[in-house]
C-alpha atoms as a PDB file:
ATOM      1  CA  MET A   1      31.554  16.786  -9.902  1.00  0.00           C
ATOM      2  CA  GLY A   2      34.904  16.984  -8.226  1.00  0.00           C
ATOM      3  CA  ALA A   3      38.261  15.268  -8.233  1.00  0.00           C
ATOM      4  CA  GLN A   4      37.371  12.815  -5.487  1.00  0.00           C
ATOM      5  CA  HIS A   5      34.888   9.992  -5.831  1.00  0.00           C
ATOM      6  CA  ALA A   6      33.490   7.924  -3.001  1.00  0.00           C
ATOM      7  CA  VAL A   7      34.104   4.184  -3.175  1.00  0.00           C
ATOM      8  CA  VAL A   8      30.873   2.336  -2.429  1.00  0.00           C
ATOM      9  CA  ALA A   9      30.716  -1.395  -1.816  1.00  0.00           C
ATOM     10  CA  PRO A  10      28.276  -3.281  -4.030  1.00  0.00           C
ATOM     11  CA  ALA A  11      24.832  -3.486  -2.452  1.00  0.00           C
ATOM     12  CA  PRO A  12      23.285  -6.873  -1.724  1.00  0.00           C
ATOM     13  CA  VAL A  13      21.169  -8.305  -4.514  1.00  0.00           C
ATOM     14  CA  GLU A  14      17.994  -7.653  -2.514  1.00  0.00           C
ATOM     15  CA  ARG A  15      18.831  -3.972  -2.056  1.00  0.00           C
ATOM     16  CA  ARG A  16      19.731  -3.523  -5.724  1.00  0.00           C
ATOM     17  CA  ARG A  17      16.449  -5.089  -6.788  1.00  0.00           C
ATOM     18  CA  GLY A  18      14.516  -3.007  -4.292  1.00  0.00           C
ATOM     19  CA  GLY A  19      16.190   0.125  -5.581  1.00  0.00           C
ATOM     20  CA  MET A  20      15.129  -0.723  -9.122  1.00  0.00           C
ATOM     21  CA  ALA A  21      11.513  -1.501  -8.170  1.00  0.00           C
ATOM     22  CA  PRO A  22      10.205   1.990  -9.071  1.00  0.00           C
ATOM     23  CA  TYR A  23      11.781   1.671 -12.524  1.00  0.00           C
ATOM     24  CA  TYR A  24      10.275  -1.759 -13.219  1.00  0.00           C
ATOM     25  CA  ALA A  25       6.872  -0.656 -11.905  1.00  0.00           C
ATOM     26  CA  TYR A  26       7.039   2.388 -14.163  1.00  0.00           C
ATOM     27  CA  ARG A  27       7.871   0.274 -17.230  1.00  0.00           C
ATOM     28  CA  VAL A  28       4.966  -2.095 -16.521  1.00  0.00           C
ATOM     29  CA  ALA A  29       2.556   0.815 -16.075  1.00  0.00           C
ATOM     30  CA  GLU A  30       3.943   2.487 -19.193  1.00  0.00           C
ATOM     31  CA  GLY A  31       3.221  -0.676 -21.168  1.00  0.00           C
ATOM     32  CA  LEU A  32      -0.384  -0.680 -19.978  1.00  0.00           C
ATOM     33  CA  VAL A  33      -0.817   2.987 -20.831  1.00  0.00           C
ATOM     34  CA  ARG A  34       0.483   2.330 -24.324  1.00  0.00           C
ATOM     35  CA  VAL A  35      -2.264  -0.175 -25.142  1.00  0.00           C
ATOM     36  CA  LEU A  36      -5.211   1.160 -23.136  1.00  0.00           C
ATOM     37  CA  PRO A  37      -7.448   4.059 -24.184  1.00  0.00           C
ATOM     38  CA  ARG A  38      -6.672   7.166 -22.155  1.00  0.00           C
ATOM     39  CA  GLY A  39     -10.026   7.033 -20.373  1.00  0.00           C
ATOM     40  CA  ALA A  40      -9.337   3.473 -19.260  1.00  0.00           C
ATOM     41  CA  SER A  41      -5.849   4.419 -18.075  1.00  0.00           C
ATOM     42  CA  TYR A  42      -7.251   7.293 -16.036  1.00  0.00           C
ATOM     43  CA  TRP A  43      -9.911   4.990 -14.552  1.00  0.00           C
ATOM     44  CA  LEU A  44      -7.237   2.471 -13.586  1.00  0.00           C
ATOM     45  CA  GLY A  45      -5.127   5.262 -12.132  1.00  0.00           C
ATOM     46  CA  ASP A  46      -8.074   6.292  -9.963  1.00  0.00           C
ATOM     47  CA  ARG A  47      -8.320   2.776  -8.578  1.00  0.00           C
ATOM     48  CA  VAL A  48      -4.589   2.746  -7.802  1.00  0.00           C
ATOM     49  CA  ALA A  49      -4.894   6.097  -6.006  1.00  0.00           C
ATOM     50  CA  ASP A  50      -7.846   4.836  -3.954  1.00  0.00           C
ATOM     51  CA  ALA A  51      -6.008   1.626  -3.057  1.00  0.00           C
ATOM     52  CA  LEU A  52      -2.904   3.515  -1.904  1.00  0.00           C
ATOM     53  CA  LEU A  53      -4.995   5.900   0.157  1.00  0.00           C
ATOM     54  CA  ALA A  54      -6.685   2.945   1.870  1.00  0.00           C
ATOM     55  CA  ALA A  55      -3.526   0.853   2.328  1.00  0.00           C
ATOM     56  CA  VAL A  56      -1.027   3.520   3.466  1.00  0.00           C
ATOM     57  CA  PRO A  57      -3.077   6.554   4.559  1.00  0.00           C
ATOM     58  CA  ARG A  58      -0.280   7.999   6.706  1.00  0.00           C
ATOM     59  CA  LYS A  59       1.909   8.304   3.624  1.00  0.00           C
ATOM     60  CA  PHE A  60      -0.216  11.272   2.570  1.00  0.00           C
ATOM     61  CA  ASP A  61      -0.252  13.133   5.875  1.00  0.00           C
ATOM     62  CA  SER A  62       1.941  15.884   4.416  1.00  0.00           C
ATOM     63  CA  LEU A  63      -0.470  16.390   1.534  1.00  0.00           C
ATOM     64  CA  ARG A  64      -3.342  16.620   4.022  1.00  0.00           C
ATOM     65  CA  ASP A  65      -1.439  19.182   6.073  1.00  0.00           C
ATOM     66  CA  ASN A  66      -0.726  21.307   3.004  1.00  0.00           C
ATOM     67  CA  LEU A  67      -4.353  21.195   1.899  1.00  0.00           C
ATOM     68  CA  ARG A  68      -5.525  22.030   5.407  1.00  0.00           C
ATOM     69  CA  HIS A  69      -3.686  25.352   5.083  1.00  0.00           C
ATOM     70  CA  VAL A  70      -5.538  25.954   1.828  1.00  0.00           C
ATOM     71  CA  LEU A  71      -8.943  24.973   3.237  1.00  0.00           C
ATOM     72  CA  PRO A  72      -8.661  25.639   6.978  1.00  0.00           C
ATOM     73  CA  ASP A  73     -12.400  25.624   7.607  1.00  0.00           C
ATOM     74  CA  ALA A  74     -13.328  22.633   5.451  1.00  0.00           C
ATOM     75  CA  PRO A  75     -15.168  19.846   7.314  1.00  0.00           C
ATOM     76  CA  SER A  76     -13.453  16.464   7.520  1.00  0.00           C
ATOM     77  CA  ARG A  77     -15.702  14.922   4.894  1.00  0.00           C
ATOM     78  CA  THR A  78     -14.842  17.665   2.397  1.00  0.00           C
ATOM     79  CA  MET A  79     -11.140  17.306   3.133  1.00  0.00           C
ATOM     80  CA  ARG A  80     -11.248  13.557   2.560  1.00  0.00           C
ATOM     81  CA  ARG A  81     -12.930  14.135  -0.792  1.00  0.00           C
ATOM     82  CA  VAL A  82     -10.348  16.751  -1.828  1.00  0.00           C
ATOM     83  CA  VAL A  83      -7.429  14.504  -0.863  1.00  0.00           C
ATOM     84  CA  ARG A  84      -8.909  11.595  -2.820  1.00  0.00           C
ATOM     85  CA  ARG A  85      -9.478  13.723  -5.923  1.00  0.00           C
ATOM     86  CA  ASN A  86      -5.995  15.194  -5.559  1.00  0.00           C
ATOM     87  CA  LEU A  87      -4.356  11.758  -5.579  1.00  0.00           C
ATOM     88  CA  ARG A  88      -6.477  10.656  -8.515  1.00  0.00           C
ATOM     89  CA  ASN A  89      -5.404  13.707 -10.474  1.00  0.00           C
ATOM     90  CA  LEU A  90      -1.800  12.989  -9.514  1.00  0.00           C
ATOM     91  CA  THR A  91      -2.036   9.511 -11.045  1.00  0.00           C
ATOM     92  CA  HIS A  92      -3.371  11.202 -14.204  1.00  0.00           C
ATOM     93  CA  CYS A  93      -0.234  13.350 -14.230  1.00  0.00           C
ATOM     94  CA  TRP A  94       1.952  10.252 -14.187  1.00  0.00           C
ATOM     95  CA  ILE A  95      -0.156   8.659 -16.908  1.00  0.00           C
ATOM     96  CA  ASP A  96       0.428  11.783 -19.008  1.00  0.00           C
ATOM     97  CA  VAL A  97       4.178  11.314 -18.521  1.00  0.00           C
ATOM     98  CA  MET A  98       3.918   7.648 -19.513  1.00  0.00           C
ATOM     99  CA  GLU A  99       2.022   8.609 -22.666  1.00  0.00           C
ATOM    100  CA  MET A 100       4.840  10.781 -23.985  1.00  0.00           C
ATOM    101  CA  PRO A 101       6.687   8.081 -25.965  1.00  0.00           C
ATOM    102  CA  SER A 102       3.527   6.600 -27.537  1.00  0.00           C
ATOM    103  CA  ARG A 103       0.986   9.443 -27.730  1.00  0.00           C
ATOM    104  CA  GLY A 104       2.984  12.587 -27.209  1.00  0.00           C
ATOM    105  CA  SER A 105       2.143  13.749 -30.721  1.00  0.00           C
ATOM    106  CA  GLU A 106      -1.483  14.086 -29.554  1.00  0.00           C
ATOM    107  CA  PHE A 107      -0.639  16.524 -26.762  1.00  0.00           C
ATOM    108  CA  PRO A 108      -1.049  19.732 -28.833  1.00  0.00           C
ATOM    109  CA  SER A 109      -4.608  18.763 -29.776  1.00  0.00           C
ATOM    110  CA  ARG A 110      -5.527  18.413 -26.090  1.00  0.00           C
ATOM    111  CA  ILE A 111      -4.554  21.991 -25.146  1.00  0.00           C
ATOM    112  CA  ASP A 112      -6.751  25.080 -25.073  1.00  0.00           C
ATOM    113  CA  ILE A 113      -4.811  28.325 -24.574  1.00  0.00           C
ATOM    114  CA  GLU A 114      -6.059  31.659 -23.250  1.00  0.00           C
ATOM    115  CA  HIS A 115      -4.134  34.958 -23.335  1.00  0.00           C
ATOM    116  CA  LEU A 116      -1.107  33.513 -25.116  1.00  0.00           C
ATOM    117  CA  ASP A 117       0.043  37.064 -25.855  1.00  0.00           C
ATOM    118  CA  ASN A 118       1.055  37.425 -22.187  1.00  0.00           C
ATOM    119  CA  PHE A 119       3.809  34.923 -22.960  1.00  0.00           C
ATOM    120  CA  THR A 120       4.649  35.673 -26.597  1.00  0.00           C
ATOM    121  CA  ASP A 121       4.958  39.437 -26.022  1.00  0.00           C
ATOM    122  CA  ALA A 122       7.494  38.836 -23.252  1.00  0.00           C
ATOM    123  CA  LEU A 123       9.353  36.282 -25.370  1.00  0.00           C
ATOM    124  CA  ALA A 124       9.551  38.672 -28.325  1.00  0.00           C
ATOM    125  CA  ARG A 125      11.756  41.096 -26.362  1.00  0.00           C
ATOM    126  CA  GLY A 126      14.569  38.550 -26.653  1.00  0.00           C
ATOM    127  CA  ARG A 127      15.791  38.772 -23.063  1.00  0.00           C
ATOM    128  CA  GLY A 128      14.630  35.299 -22.050  1.00  0.00           C
ATOM    129  CA  VAL A 129      11.595  34.219 -20.022  1.00  0.00           C
ATOM    130  CA  VAL A 130      11.330  32.529 -16.644  1.00  0.00           C
ATOM    131  CA  VAL A 131       8.031  30.659 -16.570  1.00  0.00           C
ATOM    132  CA  ALA A 132       7.105  30.835 -12.890  1.00  0.00           C
ATOM    133  CA  SER A 133       5.243  27.591 -12.357  1.00  0.00           C
ATOM    134  CA  LEU A 134       3.931  25.400  -9.571  1.00  0.00           C
ATOM    135  CA  HIS A 135       3.162  21.712  -9.062  1.00  0.00           C
ATOM    136  CA  PHE A 136      -0.340  22.018 -10.392  1.00  0.00           C
ATOM    137  CA  GLY A 137      -2.712  20.665 -13.010  1.00  0.00           C
ATOM    138  CA  SER A 138      -1.355  19.010 -16.123  1.00  0.00           C
ATOM    139  CA  TRP A 139       2.018  20.620 -16.559  1.00  0.00           C
ATOM    140  CA  GLU A 140       3.503  17.715 -18.522  1.00  0.00           C
ATOM    141  CA  VAL A 141       0.859  17.894 -21.268  1.00  0.00           C
ATOM    142  CA  GLY A 142       1.188  21.667 -21.452  1.00  0.00           C
ATOM    143  CA  LEU A 143       4.963  21.709 -21.611  1.00  0.00           C
ATOM    144  CA  GLY A 144       5.237  18.722 -23.943  1.00  0.00           C
ATOM    145  CA  GLY A 145       2.438  19.984 -26.173  1.00  0.00           C
ATOM    146  CA  TRP A 146       3.934  23.471 -26.455  1.00  0.00           C
ATOM    147  CA  ASN A 147       7.335  22.119 -27.453  1.00  0.00           C
ATOM    148  CA  ALA A 148       5.774  19.606 -29.851  1.00  0.00           C
ATOM    149  CA  MET A 149       4.207  22.621 -31.602  1.00  0.00           C
ATOM    150  CA  GLY A 150       7.645  24.150 -32.085  1.00  0.00           C
ATOM    151  CA  GLY A 151       8.125  25.984 -28.819  1.00  0.00           C
ATOM    152  CA  LYS A 152      11.411  25.737 -26.969  1.00  0.00           C
ATOM    153  CA  MET A 153      10.906  25.627 -23.228  1.00  0.00           C
ATOM    154  CA  ALA A 154      13.384  23.973 -20.870  1.00  0.00           C
ATOM    155  CA  LEU A 155      12.509  22.511 -17.485  1.00  0.00           C
ATOM    156  CA  LEU A 156      14.521  22.547 -14.266  1.00  0.00           C
ATOM    157  CA  ALA A 157      13.692  19.130 -12.803  1.00  0.00           C
ATOM    158  CA  GLU A 158      14.589  17.117  -9.736  1.00  0.00           C
ATOM    159  CA  LEU A 159      16.720  14.048 -10.438  1.00  0.00           C
ATOM    160  CA  LEU A 160      14.700  10.884  -9.801  1.00  0.00           C
ATOM    161  CA  HIS A 161      16.113   7.651  -8.426  1.00  0.00           C
ATOM    162  CA  PRO A 162      17.039   5.149  -9.641  1.00  0.00           C
ATOM    163  CA  PRO A 163      18.811   6.903 -12.542  1.00  0.00           C
ATOM    164  CA  GLN A 164      17.201   4.508 -15.043  1.00  0.00           C
ATOM    165  CA  LEU A 165      13.783   5.893 -14.094  1.00  0.00           C
ATOM    166  CA  PHE A 166      14.947   9.471 -14.541  1.00  0.00           C
ATOM    167  CA  ASP A 167      16.512   8.615 -17.912  1.00  0.00           C
ATOM    168  CA  ARG A 168      13.256   7.013 -19.053  1.00  0.00           C
ATOM    169  CA  VAL A 169      11.178  10.053 -18.082  1.00  0.00           C
ATOM    170  CA  VAL A 170      13.697  12.441 -19.636  1.00  0.00           C
ATOM    171  CA  ALA A 171      13.704  10.452 -22.884  1.00  0.00           C
ATOM    172  CA  GLY A 172       9.937  10.844 -23.143  1.00  0.00           C
ATOM    173  CA  ARG A 173      10.169  14.589 -22.565  1.00  0.00           C
ATOM    174  CA  GLU A 174      13.058  15.035 -24.981  1.00  0.00           C
ATOM    175  CA  GLY A 175      11.104  13.160 -27.637  1.00  0.00           C
ATOM    176  CA  LEU A 176       8.715  16.125 -27.579  1.00  0.00           C
ATOM    177  CA  GLY A 177      11.537  18.658 -27.656  1.00  0.00           C
ATOM    178  CA  VAL A 178      11.625  19.402 -23.935  1.00  0.00           C
ATOM    179  CA  ARG A 179      15.114  20.085 -22.634  1.00  0.00           C
ATOM    180  CA  VAL A 180      15.569  18.928 -19.039  1.00  0.00           C
ATOM    181  CA  ILE A 181      18.086  20.597 -16.724  1.00  0.00           C
ATOM    182  CA  PRO A 182      18.556  18.106 -13.865  1.00  0.00           C
ATOM    183  CA  ILE A 183      19.281  19.071 -10.285  1.00  0.00           C
ATOM    184  CA  ASP A 184      20.300  16.358  -7.829  1.00  0.00           C
ATOM    185  CA  VAL A 185      18.317  17.396  -4.763  1.00  0.00           C
ATOM    186  CA  ALA A 186      19.217  14.265  -2.788  1.00  0.00           C
ATOM    187  CA  ALA A 187      22.935  14.938  -3.193  1.00  0.00           C
ATOM    188  CA  MET A 188      22.507  18.576  -2.211  1.00  0.00           C
ATOM    189  CA  ARG A 189      20.566  17.707   0.931  1.00  0.00           C
ATOM    190  CA  SER A 190      22.759  14.814   2.060  1.00  0.00           C
ATOM    191  CA  GLY A 191      26.171  16.291   1.236  1.00  0.00           C
ATOM    192  CA  ASP A 192      28.135  19.089   2.859  1.00  0.00           C
ATOM    193  CA  GLN A 193      27.586  22.738   1.958  1.00  0.00           C
ATOM    194  CA  GLU A 194      30.413  22.775  -0.561  1.00  0.00           C
ATOM    195  CA  LEU A 195      28.981  19.775  -2.412  1.00  0.00           C
ATOM    196  CA  ALA A 196      25.526  21.335  -2.388  1.00  0.00           C
ATOM    197  CA  ARG A 197      26.927  24.585  -3.763  1.00  0.00           C
ATOM    198  CA  ARG A 198      28.742  22.812  -6.602  1.00  0.00           C
ATOM    199  CA  VAL A 199      25.781  20.605  -7.533  1.00  0.00           C
ATOM    200  CA  GLY A 200      23.449  23.583  -7.585  1.00  0.00           C
ATOM    201  CA  ALA A 201      25.933  25.746  -9.468  1.00  0.00           C
ATOM    202  CA  VAL A 202      26.055  23.316 -12.389  1.00  0.00           C
ATOM    203  CA  ALA A 203      22.289  23.521 -12.908  1.00  0.00           C
ATOM    204  CA  MET A 204      22.169  27.294 -12.358  1.00  0.00           C
ATOM    205  CA  ARG A 205      24.927  27.937 -14.899  1.00  0.00           C
ATOM    206  CA  GLU A 206      22.840  26.159 -17.515  1.00  0.00           C
ATOM    207  CA  VAL A 207      19.746  28.167 -16.543  1.00  0.00           C
ATOM    208  CA  PHE A 208      21.719  31.432 -16.787  1.00  0.00           C
ATOM    209  CA  ARG A 209      23.139  30.448 -20.150  1.00  0.00           C
ATOM    210  CA  MET A 210      19.717  29.677 -21.599  1.00  0.00           C
ATOM    211  CA  LEU A 211      18.121  32.868 -20.325  1.00  0.00           C
ATOM    212  CA  ARG A 212      20.942  35.080 -21.524  1.00  0.00           C
ATOM    213  CA  SER A 213      20.568  33.553 -24.979  1.00  0.00           C
ATOM    214  CA  GLY A 214      16.877  34.497 -25.012  1.00  0.00           C
ATOM    215  CA  GLY A 215      15.576  31.056 -24.054  1.00  0.00           C
ATOM    216  CA  VAL A 216      12.716  29.953 -21.800  1.00  0.00           C
ATOM    217  CA  VAL A 217      13.089  27.988 -18.558  1.00  0.00           C
ATOM    218  CA  ALA A 218      10.215  26.745 -16.396  1.00  0.00           C
ATOM    219  CA  MET A 219      10.855  26.643 -12.645  1.00  0.00           C
ATOM    220  CA  ALA A 220       8.499  26.004  -9.724  1.00  0.00           C
ATOM    221  CA  LEU A 221       8.142  28.359  -6.779  1.00  0.00           C
ATOM    222  CA  ASP A 222       5.847  26.369  -4.489  1.00  0.00           C
ATOM    223  CA  ARG A 223       8.206  23.683  -3.185  1.00  0.00           C
ATOM    224  CA  ASP A 224      11.537  24.229  -1.425  1.00  0.00           C
ATOM    225  CA  LEU A 225      13.450  21.308  -2.907  1.00  0.00           C
ATOM    226  CA  ILE A 226      16.887  22.112  -1.547  1.00  0.00           C
ATOM    227  CA  GLY A 227      15.966  23.393   1.898  1.00  0.00           C
ATOM    228  CA  ASN A 228      17.354  26.918   1.594  1.00  0.00           C
ATOM    229  CA  GLY A 229      14.132  28.798   0.839  1.00  0.00           C
ATOM    230  CA  GLU A 230      13.302  32.219   2.289  1.00  0.00           C
ATOM    231  CA  LEU A 231      10.424  32.429   4.749  1.00  0.00           C
ATOM    232  CA  MET A 232       7.513  34.123   2.988  1.00  0.00           C
ATOM    233  CA  PRO A 233       3.807  34.495   3.821  1.00  0.00           C
ATOM    234  CA  PHE A 234       1.861  31.762   2.017  1.00  0.00           C
ATOM    235  CA  PHE A 235      -1.787  31.085   2.891  1.00  0.00           C
ATOM    236  CA  GLY A 236      -1.404  33.231   5.996  1.00  0.00           C
ATOM    237  CA  GLU A 237       1.666  31.512   7.475  1.00  0.00           C
ATOM    238  CA  LEU A 238       5.399  31.643   6.847  1.00  0.00           C
ATOM    239  CA  ALA A 239       6.680  28.977   4.479  1.00  0.00           C
ATOM    240  CA  PRO A 240      10.127  28.383   2.929  1.00  0.00           C
ATOM    241  CA  ILE A 241       9.942  29.597  -0.671  1.00  0.00           C
ATOM    242  CA  PRO A 242      12.724  29.164  -3.294  1.00  0.00           C
ATOM    243  CA  ILE A 243      12.838  32.818  -4.317  1.00  0.00           C
ATOM    244  CA  GLY A 244      16.068  32.161  -6.225  1.00  0.00           C
ATOM    245  CA  VAL A 245      13.777  31.611  -9.212  1.00  0.00           C
ATOM    246  CA  VAL A 246      12.956  35.320  -9.124  1.00  0.00           C
ATOM    247  CA  ASP A 247      16.548  36.323  -8.387  1.00  0.00           C
ATOM    248  CA  ILE A 248      17.780  34.490 -11.481  1.00  0.00           C
ATOM    249  CA  ALA A 249      15.257  36.298 -13.671  1.00  0.00           C
ATOM    250  CA  ILE A 250      16.226  39.729 -12.357  1.00  0.00           C
ATOM    251  CA  ARG A 251      19.961  39.020 -12.615  1.00  0.00           C
ATOM    252  CA  THR A 252      19.637  38.050 -16.279  1.00  0.00           C
ATOM    253  CA  GLY A 253      16.994  40.620 -17.232  1.00  0.00           C
ATOM    254  CA  ALA A 254      14.523  37.885 -18.182  1.00  0.00           C
ATOM    255  CA  ALA A 255      10.757  38.376 -18.093  1.00  0.00           C
ATOM    256  CA  ILE A 256       8.760  36.591 -15.391  1.00  0.00           C
ATOM    257  CA  VAL A 257       5.543  35.069 -16.713  1.00  0.00           C
ATOM    258  CA  PRO A 258       3.340  32.859 -14.512  1.00  0.00           C
ATOM    259  CA  ILE A 259       1.702  30.038 -16.481  1.00  0.00           C
ATOM    260  CA  VAL A 260      -0.884  27.654 -15.031  1.00  0.00           C
ATOM    261  CA  LEU A 261      -2.036  24.444 -16.755  1.00  0.00           C
ATOM    262  CA  TYR A 262      -5.522  23.552 -15.524  1.00  0.00           C
ATOM    263  CA  ARG A 263      -6.694  19.955 -15.892  1.00  0.00           C
ATOM    264  CA  ASN A 264     -10.160  19.756 -17.482  1.00  0.00           C
ATOM    265  CA  GLY A 265     -10.996  16.079 -17.875  1.00  0.00           C
ATOM    266  CA  GLN A 266      -8.752  14.829 -20.663  1.00  0.00           C
ATOM    267  CA  ARG A 267      -8.142  18.368 -21.901  1.00  0.00           C
ATOM    268  CA  VAL A 268      -5.809  21.035 -20.559  1.00  0.00           C
ATOM    269  CA  LEU A 269      -6.398  24.775 -20.277  1.00  0.00           C
ATOM    270  CA  GLY A 270      -3.133  26.708 -20.547  1.00  0.00           C
ATOM    271  CA  ARG A 271      -3.327  30.203 -19.120  1.00  0.00           C
ATOM    272  CA  PRO A 272      -0.314  32.551 -19.205  1.00  0.00           C
ATOM    273  CA  TYR A 273      -0.965  35.338 -16.695  1.00  0.00           C
ATOM    274  CA  PRO A 274       0.290  38.911 -17.146  1.00  0.00           C
ATOM    275  CA  GLU A 275       4.033  39.334 -16.795  1.00  0.00           C
ATOM    276  CA  VAL A 276       5.155  40.266 -13.288  1.00  0.00           C
ATOM    277  CA  ARG A 277       7.216  43.402 -13.797  1.00  0.00           C
ATOM    278  CA  TYR A 278      10.234  44.391 -11.723  1.00  0.00           C
ATOM    279  CA  ASP A 279      12.559  47.364 -11.430  1.00  0.00           C
ATOM    280  CA  PRO A 280      16.099  46.249 -12.309  1.00  0.00           C
ATOM    281  CA  ASP A 281      17.514  49.357 -10.600  1.00  0.00           C
ATOM    282  CA  ALA A 282      15.766  48.765  -7.270  1.00  0.00           C
ATOM    283  CA  PRO A 283      17.625  47.063  -4.381  1.00  0.00           C
ATOM    284  CA  ARG A 284      17.605  43.484  -5.632  1.00  0.00           C
ATOM    285  CA  ASP A 285      16.849  41.661  -2.378  1.00  0.00           C
ATOM    286  CA  GLU A 286      13.801  43.840  -1.746  1.00  0.00           C
ATOM    287  CA  GLU A 287      12.614  43.544  -5.349  1.00  0.00           C
ATOM    288  CA  VAL A 288      13.025  39.758  -5.348  1.00  0.00           C
ATOM    289  CA  ARG A 289      10.834  39.451  -2.265  1.00  0.00           C
ATOM    290  CA  ARG A 290       8.212  41.849  -3.640  1.00  0.00           C
ATOM    291  CA  VAL A 291       7.915  39.913  -6.911  1.00  0.00           C
ATOM    292  CA  ALA A 292       7.809  36.615  -5.005  1.00  0.00           C
ATOM    293  CA  ARG A 293       4.937  37.942  -2.881  1.00  0.00           C
ATOM    294  CA  ASP A 294       3.015  38.895  -6.039  1.00  0.00           C
ATOM    295  CA  LEU A 295       3.531  35.414  -7.486  1.00  0.00           C
ATOM    296  CA  LEU A 296       2.478  33.703  -4.261  1.00  0.00           C
ATOM    297  CA  ALA A 297      -0.697  35.796  -4.123  1.00  0.00           C
ATOM    298  CA  LEU A 298      -1.584  34.574  -7.619  1.00  0.00           C
ATOM    299  CA  TYR A 299      -0.819  30.986  -6.674  1.00  0.00           C
ATOM    300  CA  GLU A 300      -3.041  31.249  -3.608  1.00  0.00           C
ATOM    301  CA  SER A 301      -6.028  32.230  -5.731  1.00  0.00           C
ATOM    302  CA  VAL A 302      -5.342  29.437  -8.224  1.00  0.00           C
ATOM    303  CA  ILE A 303      -4.894  26.762  -5.555  1.00  0.00           C
ATOM    304  CA  ARG A 304      -7.925  27.836  -3.529  1.00  0.00           C
ATOM    305  CA  ALA A 305     -10.078  27.493  -6.639  1.00  0.00           C
ATOM    306  CA  HIS A 306      -8.689  24.022  -7.488  1.00  0.00           C
ATOM    307  CA  PRO A 307      -7.092  22.407  -4.392  1.00  0.00           C
ATOM    308  CA  ASP A 308      -7.486  18.965  -5.954  1.00  0.00           C
ATOM    309  CA  GLN A 309      -4.984  19.952  -8.656  1.00  0.00           C
ATOM    310  CA  TRP A 310      -2.162  21.151  -6.373  1.00  0.00           C
ATOM    311  CA  HIS A 311       0.237  18.247  -5.931  1.00  0.00           C
ATOM    312  CA  VAL A 312       2.890  18.829  -3.256  1.00  0.00           C
ATOM    313  CA  LEU A 313       3.460  15.673  -1.202  1.00  0.00           C
ATOM    314  CA  ASP A 314       6.248  17.128   0.960  1.00  0.00           C
ATOM    315  CA  GLN A 315       5.103  19.040   4.025  1.00  0.00           C
ATOM    316  CA  ILE A 316       5.540  22.749   3.384  1.00  0.00           C
ATOM    317  CA  TRP A 317       4.760  24.586   6.611  1.00  0.00           C
ATOM    318  CA  GLY A 318       5.880  21.813   8.925  1.00  0.00           C
ATOM    319  CA  SER A 319       9.399  22.116   7.501  1.00  0.00           C
ATOM    320  CA  VAL A 320       9.804  25.640   8.950  1.00  0.00           C
ATOM    321  CA  GLY A 321      12.405  25.487  11.675  1.00  0.00           C
ATOM    322  CA  ALA A 322      12.920  21.748  11.213  1.00  0.00           C
END
């Protein structure tokens, strides 16, 4: 990024191996997914989710807290069931990612699409489209399937560690034509403000370039990755929301189209919602917040209807003021 580079002493062998454990575990799981029928892979994923929930229940306290804001009056038994189904669906998401290299060509046949004109009409204007997304449903199948059918949608994605794991996931996505714009969230959070600004600027320049050329970029609005989100009402309480997604769209003149990918067994229902319009001549800060509120209201209705498909493992409301 800059002219100076930190000199880091080699880590002990044990630490290096530990750091690579997620990559090796992913490759083993990917090998199983390649040879098993999808139904069997999903069944096995369910068992893994159940085992993790039993072995390390506190690891999912943040997920429970988030879902409690969605279902504040749900009895404990209902909440336990929702959390379990949520984690099972999350393992299905990872299985979908692992299928990309071996079965990605099947993704288009798994997708049912409603109201596609909400997206294609906005795209036809040639000013670019920001797909306002959230961590929900089966986004990987939807995005990969759309691009495998000839669409060109890029994805702003958090850099995973170790880098070998991120490269493996990116290779699967790129095999289906998905362009990944990485953003190193860990570096932005651990470094000083100048480093964070430079790291973020690299990703944002690429997003601007794509939108100004009429391209499509998918970005999520329901998780404050970097820690600089604006406090907005979300499920009745203030939460940090990365409204820069909206600001980028307005600055470039791009359309803002919410798209939700609902998981329906082994199939996926893709639903582009009506474009969220904005006034480019209005005071931008006020217009950004108004559009963000409209998007959050839509997300609330979607999440309330399917809380088991909303996968945010970082605590949202508890991070306010932290």
